[in-house]
Amino acid sequence: IITSAGELDGASADMAQAIAEILGIEIEHATVQGLSAVLSGIASGRFQFAMGPIGDFKSREESVDFVVWVQEFVVFAVQAGNPKGIDDLADVCGNRIAVMAGGSAERVIGEQSDICTAAGEEPVDIKAFADQPTSVLSVRADRTDAFFSSQAPLSVFVAQSDGELELAAVGKVNGFPGLVQGAVFPKESALTEIILESIKILVDICQDHDQVGA
């Protein structure tokens, strides 16, 4: 997550910083427009890795490698009170739904839109944006009815919205059964194993901390 001040913040930034400290290195961050640019940049070797979390799908594994570090759910960020009553993926027909351009959520919403029209209902008005802050802003500004994305970052945006937003369709599959996400690397990169071992060290540290605090 990038704050309005342009500073890195959130779980991914914390993970990257922790890994950098373990390895004794400094990680250089780059701003990339959209998930497609991230994945193509990794696949081409332009970037050494992306912390993500980015959804691990078989189709993506053909061009990049993953180190999974989170199990995730995909839900909706909506205006407070959920005025459109979006409580399930099936409720999006005829609504303006924001998604990340090139992401798996855009694909799922597109498939749901086809289901809507096949059932004689209005298609989904899909609004694809390059980044999460812009997508969230579209909901707050009433340019879209909901932002369909990963629950973890959406939870942060909702917490920072001063009560303007809430989560919807929580606890539902929403087209993503068994979704896992992680860091992304070029195929057969030596860095993949290094980051994996660093994450294992972080897990051990957290477990030791929980045992001490128990």
N, C-alpha and C. Protein backbone atom coordinates (compact mmCIF):
# COMPACT_ATOMS: atom_id res chain seq x y z
N ILE A 1 0.85 -1.18 0.00
CA ILE A 1 0.00 0.00 0.00
C ILE A 1 0.89 1.23 0.00
N ILE A 2 0.52 2.25 -0.77
CA ILE A 2 1.26 3.50 -0.78
C ILE A 2 0.36 4.59 -0.19
N THR A 3 0.87 5.30 0.79
CA THR A 3 0.09 6.34 1.44
C THR A 3 -0.01 7.56 0.54
N SER A 4 -0.86 8.52 0.95
CA SER A 4 -1.02 9.75 0.17
C SER A 4 0.27 10.55 0.11
N ALA A 5 1.16 10.32 1.07
CA ALA A 5 2.44 11.02 1.08
C ALA A 5 3.46 10.33 0.19
N GLY A 6 3.07 9.24 -0.44
CA GLY A 6 3.97 8.53 -1.33
C GLY A 6 4.90 7.58 -0.62
N GLU A 7 4.63 7.33 0.66
CA GLU A 7 5.47 6.43 1.43
C GLU A 7 4.88 5.03 1.43
N LEU A 8 5.74 4.03 1.48
CA LEU A 8 5.27 2.65 1.54
C LEU A 8 4.69 2.34 2.90
N ASP A 9 3.58 1.62 2.91
CA ASP A 9 2.93 1.27 4.16
C ASP A 9 2.16 -0.02 3.95
N GLY A 10 1.84 -0.72 5.04
CA GLY A 10 1.04 -1.93 4.94
C GLY A 10 1.84 -3.21 5.11
N ALA A 11 1.14 -4.35 5.04
CA ALA A 11 1.75 -5.64 5.33
C ALA A 11 2.87 -5.99 4.35
N SER A 12 2.67 -5.71 3.06
CA SER A 12 3.70 -6.03 2.08
C SER A 12 4.97 -5.24 2.32
N ALA A 13 4.81 -3.96 2.64
CA ALA A 13 5.97 -3.12 2.93
C ALA A 13 6.69 -3.62 4.17
N ASP A 14 5.93 -4.02 5.20
CA ASP A 14 6.54 -4.54 6.43
C ASP A 14 7.28 -5.84 6.15
N MET A 15 6.70 -6.71 5.32
CA MET A 15 7.35 -7.97 4.97
C MET A 15 8.66 -7.71 4.24
N ALA A 16 8.62 -6.81 3.28
CA ALA A 16 9.82 -6.50 2.51
C ALA A 16 10.92 -5.95 3.41
N GLN A 17 10.55 -5.07 4.35
CA GLN A 17 11.53 -4.49 5.25
C GLN A 17 12.12 -5.56 6.17
N ALA A 18 11.28 -6.46 6.67
CA ALA A 18 11.76 -7.52 7.55
C ALA A 18 12.73 -8.44 6.81
N ILE A 19 12.40 -8.77 5.57
CA ILE A 19 13.28 -9.63 4.77
C ILE A 19 14.61 -8.92 4.50
N ALA A 20 14.54 -7.63 4.22
CA ALA A 20 15.76 -6.87 3.98
C ALA A 20 16.67 -6.88 5.20
N GLU A 21 16.07 -6.79 6.38
CA GLU A 21 16.86 -6.81 7.62
C GLU A 21 17.49 -8.17 7.84
N ILE A 22 16.76 -9.24 7.55
CA ILE A 22 17.29 -10.59 7.70
C ILE A 22 18.48 -10.81 6.77
N LEU A 23 18.36 -10.33 5.53
CA LEU A 23 19.40 -10.54 4.52
C LEU A 23 20.51 -9.50 4.60
N GLY A 24 20.29 -8.44 5.37
CA GLY A 24 21.29 -7.39 5.46
C GLY A 24 21.44 -6.60 4.17
N ILE A 25 20.33 -6.37 3.49
CA ILE A 25 20.36 -5.64 2.22
C ILE A 25 19.33 -4.52 2.25
N GLU A 26 19.34 -3.69 1.22
CA GLU A 26 18.33 -2.67 1.03
C GLU A 26 17.54 -3.00 -0.22
N ILE A 27 16.23 -3.08 -0.09
CA ILE A 27 15.37 -3.39 -1.23
C ILE A 27 14.95 -2.09 -1.91
N GLU A 28 15.19 -2.00 -3.19
CA GLU A 28 14.82 -0.82 -3.96
C GLU A 28 13.44 -1.03 -4.56
N HIS A 29 12.50 -0.16 -4.22
CA HIS A 29 11.11 -0.29 -4.67
C HIS A 29 10.88 0.49 -5.96
N ALA A 30 9.97 0.01 -6.79
CA ALA A 30 9.61 0.69 -8.04
C ALA A 30 8.09 0.81 -8.11
N THR A 31 7.61 1.93 -8.64
CA THR A 31 6.19 2.14 -8.85
C THR A 31 5.82 1.65 -10.24
N VAL A 32 4.87 0.72 -10.32
CA VAL A 32 4.48 0.11 -11.59
C VAL A 32 2.98 0.29 -11.77
N GLN A 33 2.56 0.64 -12.98
CA GLN A 33 1.16 0.91 -13.26
C GLN A 33 0.40 -0.37 -13.60
N GLY A 34 -0.26 -0.95 -12.62
CA GLY A 34 -1.15 -2.07 -12.88
C GLY A 34 -0.49 -3.43 -12.72
N LEU A 35 -1.32 -4.42 -12.42
CA LEU A 35 -0.82 -5.77 -12.17
C LEU A 35 -0.20 -6.39 -13.41
N SER A 36 -0.77 -6.13 -14.57
CA SER A 36 -0.20 -6.69 -15.80
C SER A 36 1.24 -6.24 -16.00
N ALA A 37 1.51 -4.96 -15.70
CA ALA A 37 2.86 -4.43 -15.83
C ALA A 37 3.80 -5.06 -14.82
N VAL A 38 3.28 -5.35 -13.62
CA VAL A 38 4.09 -6.02 -12.60
C VAL A 38 4.50 -7.41 -13.09
N LEU A 39 3.52 -8.19 -13.54
CA LEU A 39 3.79 -9.56 -13.96
C LEU A 39 4.69 -9.62 -15.20
N SER A 40 4.44 -8.75 -16.16
CA SER A 40 5.28 -8.74 -17.36
C SER A 40 6.69 -8.28 -17.02
N GLY A 41 6.81 -7.33 -16.09
CA GLY A 41 8.13 -6.86 -15.68
C GLY A 41 8.92 -7.93 -14.96
N ILE A 42 8.24 -8.75 -14.17
CA ILE A 42 8.89 -9.87 -13.49
C ILE A 42 9.29 -10.94 -14.51
N ALA A 43 8.36 -11.30 -15.37
CA ALA A 43 8.62 -12.36 -16.36
C ALA A 43 9.79 -12.01 -17.27
N SER A 44 9.93 -10.72 -17.60
CA SER A 44 10.99 -10.29 -18.50
C SER A 44 12.33 -10.10 -17.80
N GLY A 45 12.30 -10.16 -16.45
CA GLY A 45 13.53 -9.96 -15.70
C GLY A 45 13.84 -8.50 -15.42
N ARG A 46 12.91 -7.61 -15.76
CA ARG A 46 13.12 -6.18 -15.48
C ARG A 46 13.18 -5.93 -13.98
N PHE A 47 12.34 -6.67 -13.23
CA PHE A 47 12.34 -6.59 -11.78
C PHE A 47 12.74 -7.95 -11.22
N GLN A 48 13.41 -7.95 -10.07
CA GLN A 48 13.88 -9.21 -9.48
C GLN A 48 12.76 -9.94 -8.75
N PHE A 49 11.86 -9.21 -8.13
CA PHE A 49 10.69 -9.85 -7.53
C PHE A 49 9.68 -8.80 -7.11
N ALA A 50 8.43 -9.24 -6.90
CA ALA A 50 7.37 -8.41 -6.37
C ALA A 50 6.87 -9.07 -5.09
N MET A 51 6.84 -8.32 -4.00
CA MET A 51 6.43 -8.88 -2.72
C MET A 51 4.97 -9.31 -2.73
N GLY A 52 4.18 -8.63 -3.55
CA GLY A 52 2.75 -8.96 -3.62
C GLY A 52 2.00 -8.46 -2.39
N PRO A 53 1.01 -9.21 -1.91
CA PRO A 53 0.65 -10.55 -2.38
C PRO A 53 -0.14 -10.53 -3.69
N ILE A 54 0.24 -11.43 -4.60
CA ILE A 54 -0.39 -11.58 -5.90
C ILE A 54 -0.92 -13.00 -6.01
N GLY A 55 -2.12 -13.15 -6.55
CA GLY A 55 -2.77 -14.46 -6.63
C GLY A 55 -1.96 -15.48 -7.42
N ASP A 56 -1.79 -16.66 -6.82
CA ASP A 56 -1.04 -17.75 -7.44
C ASP A 56 -2.01 -18.64 -8.21
N PHE A 57 -1.98 -18.53 -9.54
CA PHE A 57 -2.83 -19.34 -10.40
C PHE A 57 -1.96 -20.13 -11.37
N LYS A 58 -2.44 -21.29 -11.79
CA LYS A 58 -1.68 -22.14 -12.70
C LYS A 58 -1.29 -21.40 -13.97
N SER A 59 -2.19 -20.58 -14.48
CA SER A 59 -1.90 -19.85 -15.72
C SER A 59 -0.72 -18.90 -15.53
N ARG A 60 -0.61 -18.31 -14.36
CA ARG A 60 0.50 -17.39 -14.09
C ARG A 60 1.81 -18.15 -13.86
N GLU A 61 1.70 -19.36 -13.34
CA GLU A 61 2.91 -20.14 -13.06
C GLU A 61 3.65 -20.54 -14.34
N GLU A 62 3.00 -20.37 -15.49
CA GLU A 62 3.67 -20.67 -16.74
C GLU A 62 4.78 -19.67 -17.06
N SER A 63 4.65 -18.44 -16.53
CA SER A 63 5.63 -17.40 -16.86
C SER A 63 6.41 -16.88 -15.66
N VAL A 64 5.92 -17.12 -14.44
CA VAL A 64 6.60 -16.64 -13.23
C VAL A 64 6.53 -17.71 -12.14
N ASP A 65 7.36 -17.58 -11.12
CA ASP A 65 7.33 -18.46 -9.96
C ASP A 65 6.79 -17.70 -8.75
N PHE A 66 6.21 -18.44 -7.81
CA PHE A 66 5.61 -17.85 -6.62
C PHE A 66 6.24 -18.40 -5.35
N VAL A 67 6.29 -17.55 -4.32
CA VAL A 67 6.50 -17.99 -2.95
C VAL A 67 5.26 -17.53 -2.19
N VAL A 68 4.38 -18.47 -1.87
CA VAL A 68 3.10 -18.14 -1.24
C VAL A 68 3.31 -17.81 0.24
N TRP A 69 2.71 -16.70 0.68
CA TRP A 69 2.84 -16.35 2.10
C TRP A 69 1.53 -15.92 2.76
N VAL A 70 0.41 -16.03 2.03
CA VAL A 70 -0.87 -15.67 2.65
C VAL A 70 -2.02 -16.39 1.95
N GLN A 71 -3.00 -16.82 2.74
CA GLN A 71 -4.27 -17.28 2.18
C GLN A 71 -5.23 -16.11 2.23
N GLU A 72 -5.88 -15.84 1.12
CA GLU A 72 -6.66 -14.62 1.01
C GLU A 72 -8.09 -14.89 0.57
N PHE A 73 -8.93 -13.87 0.76
CA PHE A 73 -10.32 -13.89 0.32
C PHE A 73 -10.57 -12.62 -0.49
N VAL A 74 -11.49 -12.68 -1.41
CA VAL A 74 -11.81 -11.52 -2.25
C VAL A 74 -13.23 -11.06 -1.91
N VAL A 75 -13.34 -9.80 -1.53
CA VAL A 75 -14.62 -9.25 -1.08
C VAL A 75 -14.83 -7.88 -1.73
N PHE A 76 -15.83 -7.16 -1.25
CA PHE A 76 -16.15 -5.84 -1.80
C PHE A 76 -15.97 -4.76 -0.73
N ALA A 77 -15.41 -3.63 -1.15
CA ALA A 77 -15.44 -2.42 -0.33
C ALA A 77 -16.57 -1.56 -0.89
N VAL A 78 -17.52 -1.22 -0.04
CA VAL A 78 -18.69 -0.46 -0.47
C VAL A 78 -18.87 0.76 0.44
N GLN A 79 -19.74 1.67 0.03
CA GLN A 79 -20.04 2.81 0.88
C GLN A 79 -20.75 2.34 2.15
N ALA A 80 -20.55 3.08 3.22
CA ALA A 80 -21.15 2.73 4.51
C ALA A 80 -22.65 2.52 4.36
N GLY A 81 -23.13 1.43 4.96
CA GLY A 81 -24.54 1.08 4.84
C GLY A 81 -24.85 0.19 3.66
N ASN A 82 -23.86 -0.02 2.80
CA ASN A 82 -24.00 -0.90 1.63
C ASN A 82 -25.29 -0.59 0.87
N PRO A 83 -25.38 0.65 0.32
CA PRO A 83 -26.64 1.08 -0.31
C PRO A 83 -27.11 0.22 -1.47
N LYS A 84 -26.22 -0.46 -2.16
CA LYS A 84 -26.61 -1.31 -3.28
C LYS A 84 -26.91 -2.75 -2.84
N GLY A 85 -26.72 -3.04 -1.56
CA GLY A 85 -27.04 -4.37 -1.05
C GLY A 85 -26.21 -5.48 -1.66
N ILE A 86 -24.91 -5.22 -1.84
CA ILE A 86 -24.01 -6.23 -2.43
C ILE A 86 -23.51 -7.15 -1.32
N ASP A 87 -24.13 -8.31 -1.21
CA ASP A 87 -23.77 -9.27 -0.18
C ASP A 87 -23.22 -10.57 -0.75
N ASP A 88 -23.10 -10.63 -2.07
CA ASP A 88 -22.65 -11.85 -2.73
C ASP A 88 -22.24 -11.47 -4.15
N LEU A 89 -21.41 -12.31 -4.78
CA LEU A 89 -20.99 -12.05 -6.15
C LEU A 89 -22.19 -11.93 -7.08
N ALA A 90 -23.27 -12.66 -6.79
CA ALA A 90 -24.45 -12.64 -7.65
C ALA A 90 -25.20 -11.31 -7.59
N ASP A 91 -24.83 -10.43 -6.65
CA ASP A 91 -25.54 -9.16 -6.49
C ASP A 91 -24.96 -8.02 -7.33
N VAL A 92 -23.97 -8.30 -8.16
CA VAL A 92 -23.30 -7.21 -8.87
C VAL A 92 -23.98 -6.81 -10.17
N CYS A 93 -24.95 -7.56 -10.64
CA CYS A 93 -25.60 -7.26 -11.91
C CYS A 93 -26.11 -5.82 -11.94
N GLY A 94 -25.75 -5.09 -13.00
CA GLY A 94 -26.23 -3.73 -13.17
C GLY A 94 -25.49 -2.69 -12.34
N ASN A 95 -24.54 -3.12 -11.53
CA ASN A 95 -23.80 -2.19 -10.68
C ASN A 95 -22.45 -1.82 -11.28
N ARG A 96 -21.89 -0.71 -10.82
CA ARG A 96 -20.57 -0.24 -11.26
C ARG A 96 -19.53 -0.82 -10.31
N ILE A 97 -18.72 -1.72 -10.82
CA ILE A 97 -17.76 -2.42 -9.97
C ILE A 97 -16.33 -2.07 -10.39
N ALA A 98 -15.56 -1.56 -9.44
CA ALA A 98 -14.15 -1.25 -9.68
C ALA A 98 -13.30 -2.50 -9.46
N VAL A 99 -12.31 -2.70 -10.32
CA VAL A 99 -11.36 -3.80 -10.20
C VAL A 99 -9.98 -3.30 -10.60
N MET A 100 -8.96 -4.07 -10.23
CA MET A 100 -7.61 -3.77 -10.68
C MET A 100 -7.46 -4.27 -12.12
N ALA A 101 -6.97 -3.40 -13.00
CA ALA A 101 -6.82 -3.77 -14.41
C ALA A 101 -5.86 -4.94 -14.57
N GLY A 102 -6.30 -5.96 -15.31
CA GLY A 102 -5.47 -7.12 -15.57
C GLY A 102 -5.42 -8.14 -14.48
N GLY A 103 -6.13 -7.92 -13.37
CA GLY A 103 -6.11 -8.85 -12.25
C GLY A 103 -7.15 -9.95 -12.39
N SER A 104 -7.05 -10.94 -11.52
CA SER A 104 -8.00 -12.06 -11.56
C SER A 104 -9.41 -11.61 -11.19
N ALA A 105 -9.53 -10.57 -10.35
CA ALA A 105 -10.86 -10.07 -9.99
C ALA A 105 -11.59 -9.52 -11.21
N GLU A 106 -10.85 -8.89 -12.11
CA GLU A 106 -11.47 -8.39 -13.34
C GLU A 106 -12.03 -9.54 -14.17
N ARG A 107 -11.29 -10.65 -14.23
CA ARG A 107 -11.76 -11.83 -14.97
C ARG A 107 -13.03 -12.40 -14.34
N VAL A 108 -13.04 -12.53 -13.02
CA VAL A 108 -14.19 -13.11 -12.33
C VAL A 108 -15.43 -12.23 -12.49
N ILE A 109 -15.23 -10.91 -12.37
CA ILE A 109 -16.37 -9.99 -12.55
C ILE A 109 -16.88 -10.05 -13.99
N GLY A 110 -15.98 -10.19 -14.96
CA GLY A 110 -16.39 -10.32 -16.34
C GLY A 110 -17.22 -11.56 -16.58
N GLU A 111 -16.81 -12.67 -15.97
CA GLU A 111 -17.57 -13.91 -16.09
C GLU A 111 -18.94 -13.77 -15.43
N GLN A 112 -18.98 -13.07 -14.29
CA GLN A 112 -20.25 -12.87 -13.60
C GLN A 112 -21.18 -11.98 -14.42
N SER A 113 -20.59 -11.01 -15.11
CA SER A 113 -21.39 -10.14 -15.98
C SER A 113 -22.07 -10.94 -17.08
N ASP A 114 -21.35 -11.93 -17.63
CA ASP A 114 -21.93 -12.80 -18.65
C ASP A 114 -23.09 -13.61 -18.07
N ILE A 115 -22.94 -14.04 -16.82
CA ILE A 115 -24.02 -14.78 -16.15
C ILE A 115 -25.24 -13.88 -15.97
N CYS A 116 -24.98 -12.61 -15.64
CA CYS A 116 -26.07 -11.65 -15.46
C CYS A 116 -26.88 -11.51 -16.76
N THR A 117 -26.20 -11.27 -17.87
CA THR A 117 -26.90 -11.06 -19.14
C THR A 117 -27.61 -12.33 -19.61
N ALA A 118 -27.00 -13.48 -19.34
CA ALA A 118 -27.63 -14.74 -19.73
C ALA A 118 -28.93 -14.96 -18.97
N ALA A 119 -29.01 -14.39 -17.77
CA ALA A 119 -30.21 -14.52 -16.95
C ALA A 119 -31.21 -13.40 -17.21
N GLY A 120 -30.91 -12.53 -18.19
CA GLY A 120 -31.82 -11.45 -18.52
C GLY A 120 -31.67 -10.22 -17.66
N GLU A 121 -30.58 -10.15 -16.89
CA GLU A 121 -30.33 -8.99 -16.04
C GLU A 121 -29.31 -8.06 -16.69
N GLU A 122 -29.16 -6.88 -16.11
CA GLU A 122 -28.21 -5.91 -16.65
C GLU A 122 -26.77 -6.40 -16.44
N PRO A 123 -25.89 -6.17 -17.41
CA PRO A 123 -24.48 -6.56 -17.22
C PRO A 123 -23.82 -5.70 -16.16
N VAL A 124 -22.68 -6.14 -15.68
CA VAL A 124 -21.91 -5.36 -14.72
C VAL A 124 -21.19 -4.24 -15.48
N ASP A 125 -21.23 -3.05 -14.92
CA ASP A 125 -20.48 -1.92 -15.47
C ASP A 125 -19.09 -1.97 -14.83
N ILE A 126 -18.15 -2.61 -15.52
CA ILE A 126 -16.82 -2.87 -14.96
C ILE A 126 -15.91 -1.66 -15.19
N LYS A 127 -15.32 -1.16 -14.10
CA LYS A 127 -14.39 -0.04 -14.15
C LYS A 127 -13.02 -0.53 -13.70
N ALA A 128 -12.09 -0.63 -14.65
CA ALA A 128 -10.74 -1.14 -14.33
C ALA A 128 -9.79 0.03 -14.06
N PHE A 129 -9.10 -0.05 -12.91
CA PHE A 129 -8.16 0.99 -12.52
C PHE A 129 -6.76 0.40 -12.35
N ALA A 130 -5.75 1.26 -12.44
CA ALA A 130 -4.35 0.81 -12.40
C ALA A 130 -3.88 0.47 -11.00
N ASP A 131 -4.52 1.04 -9.96
CA ASP A 131 -4.02 0.81 -8.61
C ASP A 131 -5.17 0.79 -7.61
N GLN A 132 -4.86 0.33 -6.40
CA GLN A 132 -5.89 0.20 -5.37
C GLN A 132 -6.38 1.55 -4.82
N PRO A 133 -5.48 2.51 -4.53
CA PRO A 133 -5.98 3.79 -4.01
C PRO A 133 -6.98 4.47 -4.94
N THR A 134 -6.73 4.42 -6.25
CA THR A 134 -7.66 5.03 -7.20
C THR A 134 -8.99 4.28 -7.21
N SER A 135 -8.93 2.97 -7.10
CA SER A 135 -10.15 2.16 -7.06
C SER A 135 -10.98 2.50 -5.82
N VAL A 136 -10.32 2.60 -4.69
CA VAL A 136 -11.01 2.94 -3.44
C VAL A 136 -11.62 4.33 -3.53
N LEU A 137 -10.86 5.28 -4.08
CA LEU A 137 -11.35 6.64 -4.23
C LEU A 137 -12.60 6.69 -5.10
N SER A 138 -12.68 5.81 -6.10
CA SER A 138 -13.85 5.80 -6.98
C SER A 138 -15.12 5.43 -6.21
N VAL A 139 -14.98 4.56 -5.21
CA VAL A 139 -16.14 4.19 -4.38
C VAL A 139 -16.51 5.34 -3.45
N ARG A 140 -15.50 5.93 -2.82
CA ARG A 140 -15.76 7.04 -1.89
C ARG A 140 -16.38 8.23 -2.62
N ALA A 141 -16.00 8.44 -3.89
CA ALA A 141 -16.53 9.56 -4.67
C ALA A 141 -17.82 9.21 -5.40
N ASP A 142 -18.35 8.01 -5.17
CA ASP A 142 -19.58 7.53 -5.79
C ASP A 142 -19.48 7.45 -7.30
N ARG A 143 -18.28 7.17 -7.82
CA ARG A 143 -18.12 6.91 -9.24
C ARG A 143 -18.29 5.42 -9.54
N THR A 144 -18.15 4.60 -8.49
CA THR A 144 -18.43 3.17 -8.59
C THR A 144 -19.20 2.75 -7.34
N ASP A 145 -19.85 1.60 -7.42
CA ASP A 145 -20.66 1.12 -6.30
C ASP A 145 -19.87 0.23 -5.35
N ALA A 146 -18.76 -0.36 -5.84
CA ALA A 146 -17.97 -1.26 -5.00
C ALA A 146 -16.62 -1.50 -5.66
N PHE A 147 -15.65 -1.84 -4.83
CA PHE A 147 -14.33 -2.24 -5.31
C PHE A 147 -14.15 -3.69 -4.93
N PHE A 148 -13.92 -4.55 -5.91
CA PHE A 148 -13.79 -6.00 -5.72
C PHE A 148 -12.31 -6.34 -5.69
N SER A 149 -11.81 -6.76 -4.52
CA SER A 149 -10.38 -7.00 -4.40
C SER A 149 -10.10 -7.83 -3.15
N SER A 150 -8.83 -8.05 -2.85
CA SER A 150 -8.40 -8.86 -1.72
C SER A 150 -8.82 -8.24 -0.39
N GLN A 151 -9.25 -9.09 0.53
CA GLN A 151 -9.80 -8.61 1.79
C GLN A 151 -8.76 -7.91 2.67
N ALA A 152 -7.52 -8.41 2.69
CA ALA A 152 -6.53 -7.83 3.59
C ALA A 152 -6.28 -6.36 3.30
N PRO A 153 -5.91 -5.97 2.07
CA PRO A 153 -5.72 -4.53 1.83
C PRO A 153 -7.00 -3.74 1.92
N LEU A 154 -8.13 -4.33 1.50
CA LEU A 154 -9.39 -3.60 1.62
C LEU A 154 -9.72 -3.29 3.07
N SER A 155 -9.36 -4.19 3.98
CA SER A 155 -9.61 -3.96 5.40
C SER A 155 -8.87 -2.72 5.89
N VAL A 156 -7.66 -2.52 5.37
CA VAL A 156 -6.88 -1.34 5.74
C VAL A 156 -7.53 -0.08 5.19
N PHE A 157 -7.92 -0.12 3.92
CA PHE A 157 -8.56 1.05 3.32
C PHE A 157 -9.86 1.40 4.05
N VAL A 158 -10.63 0.40 4.43
CA VAL A 158 -11.88 0.64 5.15
C VAL A 158 -11.58 1.27 6.51
N ALA A 159 -10.56 0.76 7.20
CA ALA A 159 -10.20 1.31 8.51
C ALA A 159 -9.75 2.76 8.41
N GLN A 160 -9.18 3.13 7.27
CA GLN A 160 -8.67 4.49 7.07
C GLN A 160 -9.69 5.43 6.43
N SER A 161 -10.92 4.95 6.23
CA SER A 161 -11.91 5.73 5.48
C SER A 161 -12.77 6.64 6.35
N ASP A 162 -12.48 6.72 7.63
CA ASP A 162 -13.28 7.55 8.56
C ASP A 162 -14.76 7.19 8.52
N GLY A 163 -15.04 5.90 8.41
CA GLY A 163 -16.42 5.43 8.45
C GLY A 163 -17.17 5.54 7.14
N GLU A 164 -16.50 5.96 6.06
CA GLU A 164 -17.18 6.11 4.78
C GLU A 164 -17.38 4.78 4.05
N LEU A 165 -16.54 3.78 4.38
CA LEU A 165 -16.59 2.51 3.68
C LEU A 165 -16.78 1.36 4.64
N GLU A 166 -17.24 0.22 4.11
CA GLU A 166 -17.32 -1.01 4.87
C GLU A 166 -17.08 -2.18 3.92
N LEU A 167 -16.82 -3.36 4.49
CA LEU A 167 -16.64 -4.56 3.68
C LEU A 167 -17.97 -5.24 3.47
N ALA A 168 -18.11 -5.89 2.31
CA ALA A 168 -19.34 -6.62 2.00
C ALA A 168 -18.99 -7.98 1.40
N ALA A 169 -19.91 -8.92 1.53
CA ALA A 169 -19.75 -10.29 1.02
C ALA A 169 -18.58 -11.00 1.68
N VAL A 170 -18.34 -10.68 2.94
CA VAL A 170 -17.27 -11.34 3.69
C VAL A 170 -17.70 -12.76 4.04
N GLY A 171 -16.76 -13.70 3.99
CA GLY A 171 -17.07 -15.09 4.31
C GLY A 171 -17.66 -15.86 3.15
N LYS A 172 -17.67 -15.28 1.95
CA LYS A 172 -18.19 -15.94 0.76
C LYS A 172 -17.02 -16.32 -0.16
N VAL A 173 -17.23 -17.35 -1.00
CA VAL A 173 -16.19 -17.76 -1.94
C VAL A 173 -15.97 -16.68 -3.00
N ASN A 174 -17.04 -16.08 -3.49
CA ASN A 174 -16.98 -14.97 -4.45
C ASN A 174 -16.10 -15.28 -5.67
N GLY A 175 -16.18 -16.50 -6.15
CA GLY A 175 -15.46 -16.87 -7.36
C GLY A 175 -14.00 -17.24 -7.15
N PHE A 176 -13.56 -17.31 -5.89
CA PHE A 176 -12.15 -17.59 -5.59
C PHE A 176 -12.01 -18.68 -4.52
N PRO A 177 -12.32 -19.93 -4.85
CA PRO A 177 -12.12 -21.00 -3.87
C PRO A 177 -10.64 -21.29 -3.65
N GLY A 178 -10.22 -21.35 -2.39
CA GLY A 178 -8.85 -21.73 -2.07
C GLY A 178 -7.80 -20.77 -2.61
N LEU A 179 -8.07 -19.47 -2.54
CA LEU A 179 -7.13 -18.48 -3.08
C LEU A 179 -5.91 -18.32 -2.17
N VAL A 180 -4.72 -18.46 -2.76
CA VAL A 180 -3.48 -18.16 -2.04
C VAL A 180 -2.70 -17.13 -2.85
N GLN A 181 -1.93 -16.33 -2.14
CA GLN A 181 -1.18 -15.25 -2.78
C GLN A 181 0.24 -15.21 -2.25
N GLY A 182 1.12 -14.55 -2.98
CA GLY A 182 2.49 -14.47 -2.51
C GLY A 182 3.36 -13.56 -3.33
N ALA A 183 4.67 -13.71 -3.16
CA ALA A 183 5.66 -12.96 -3.90
C ALA A 183 5.90 -13.63 -5.25
N VAL A 184 6.29 -12.83 -6.23
CA VAL A 184 6.45 -13.32 -7.61
C VAL A 184 7.89 -13.10 -8.08
N PHE A 185 8.42 -14.09 -8.82
CA PHE A 185 9.81 -14.07 -9.27
C PHE A 185 9.90 -14.51 -10.73
N PRO A 186 10.95 -14.10 -11.45
CA PRO A 186 11.19 -14.67 -12.77
C PRO A 186 11.40 -16.18 -12.64
N LYS A 187 11.10 -16.92 -13.67
CA LYS A 187 11.26 -18.37 -13.64
C LYS A 187 12.70 -18.75 -13.30
N GLU A 188 12.83 -19.71 -12.38
CA GLU A 188 14.11 -20.29 -11.98
C GLU A 188 15.09 -19.26 -11.42
N SER A 189 14.56 -18.21 -10.80
CA SER A 189 15.42 -17.20 -10.18
C SER A 189 16.04 -17.77 -8.90
N ALA A 190 17.34 -17.51 -8.70
CA ALA A 190 18.01 -17.94 -7.48
C ALA A 190 17.45 -17.23 -6.26
N LEU A 191 16.83 -16.07 -6.48
CA LEU A 191 16.29 -15.29 -5.37
C LEU A 191 15.06 -15.95 -4.75
N THR A 192 14.38 -16.79 -5.51
CA THR A 192 13.16 -17.43 -5.02
C THR A 192 13.42 -18.21 -3.73
N GLU A 193 14.43 -19.05 -3.73
CA GLU A 193 14.75 -19.85 -2.56
C GLU A 193 15.23 -18.98 -1.40
N ILE A 194 15.95 -17.91 -1.72
CA ILE A 194 16.46 -17.01 -0.67
C ILE A 194 15.30 -16.34 0.06
N ILE A 195 14.33 -15.83 -0.70
CA ILE A 195 13.17 -15.19 -0.08
C ILE A 195 12.33 -16.20 0.69
N LEU A 196 12.18 -17.41 0.13
CA LEU A 196 11.43 -18.47 0.83
C LEU A 196 12.04 -18.76 2.19
N GLU A 197 13.36 -18.91 2.24
CA GLU A 197 14.03 -19.19 3.50
C GLU A 197 13.89 -18.01 4.47
N SER A 198 13.91 -16.79 3.94
CA SER A 198 13.73 -15.61 4.80
C SER A 198 12.34 -15.59 5.42
N ILE A 199 11.33 -15.96 4.63
CA ILE A 199 9.96 -15.99 5.16
C ILE A 199 9.83 -17.09 6.21
N LYS A 200 10.50 -18.22 6.01
CA LYS A 200 10.48 -19.28 7.02
C LYS A 200 11.09 -18.78 8.33
N ILE A 201 12.16 -18.00 8.24
CA ILE A 201 12.78 -17.43 9.44
C ILE A 201 11.79 -16.49 10.14
N LEU A 202 11.07 -15.69 9.37
CA LEU A 202 10.08 -14.78 9.96
C LEU A 202 8.97 -15.57 10.66
N VAL A 203 8.55 -16.67 10.04
CA VAL A 203 7.52 -17.51 10.67
C VAL A 203 8.02 -18.07 12.00
N ASP A 204 9.26 -18.54 12.03
CA ASP A 204 9.84 -19.06 13.26
C ASP A 204 9.92 -17.98 14.33
N ILE A 205 10.30 -16.77 13.93
CA ILE A 205 10.39 -15.66 14.88
C ILE A 205 9.02 -15.36 15.47
N CYS A 206 8.00 -15.33 14.62
CA CYS A 206 6.64 -15.04 15.09
C CYS A 206 6.14 -16.14 16.03
N GLN A 207 6.43 -17.40 15.69
CA GLN A 207 6.00 -18.50 16.55
C GLN A 207 6.70 -18.44 17.91
N ASP A 208 7.99 -18.14 17.90
CA ASP A 208 8.72 -18.01 19.16
C ASP A 208 8.15 -16.86 20.00
N HIS A 209 7.79 -15.77 19.32
CA HIS A 209 7.23 -14.61 20.03
C HIS A 209 5.89 -14.97 20.66
N ASP A 210 5.05 -15.74 19.92
CA ASP A 210 3.75 -16.14 20.46
C ASP A 210 3.92 -17.06 21.66
N GLN A 211 4.91 -17.95 21.62
CA GLN A 211 5.14 -18.86 22.72
C GLN A 211 5.61 -18.11 23.98
N VAL A 212 6.44 -17.10 23.77
CA VAL A 212 6.92 -16.29 24.91
C VAL A 212 5.78 -15.51 25.52
N GLY A 213 4.88 -15.03 24.67
CA GLY A 213 3.77 -14.22 25.16
C GLY A 213 2.63 -15.03 25.71
N ALA A 214 2.66 -16.36 25.52
CA ALA A 214 1.56 -17.20 25.99
C ALA A 214 1.57 -17.35 27.50
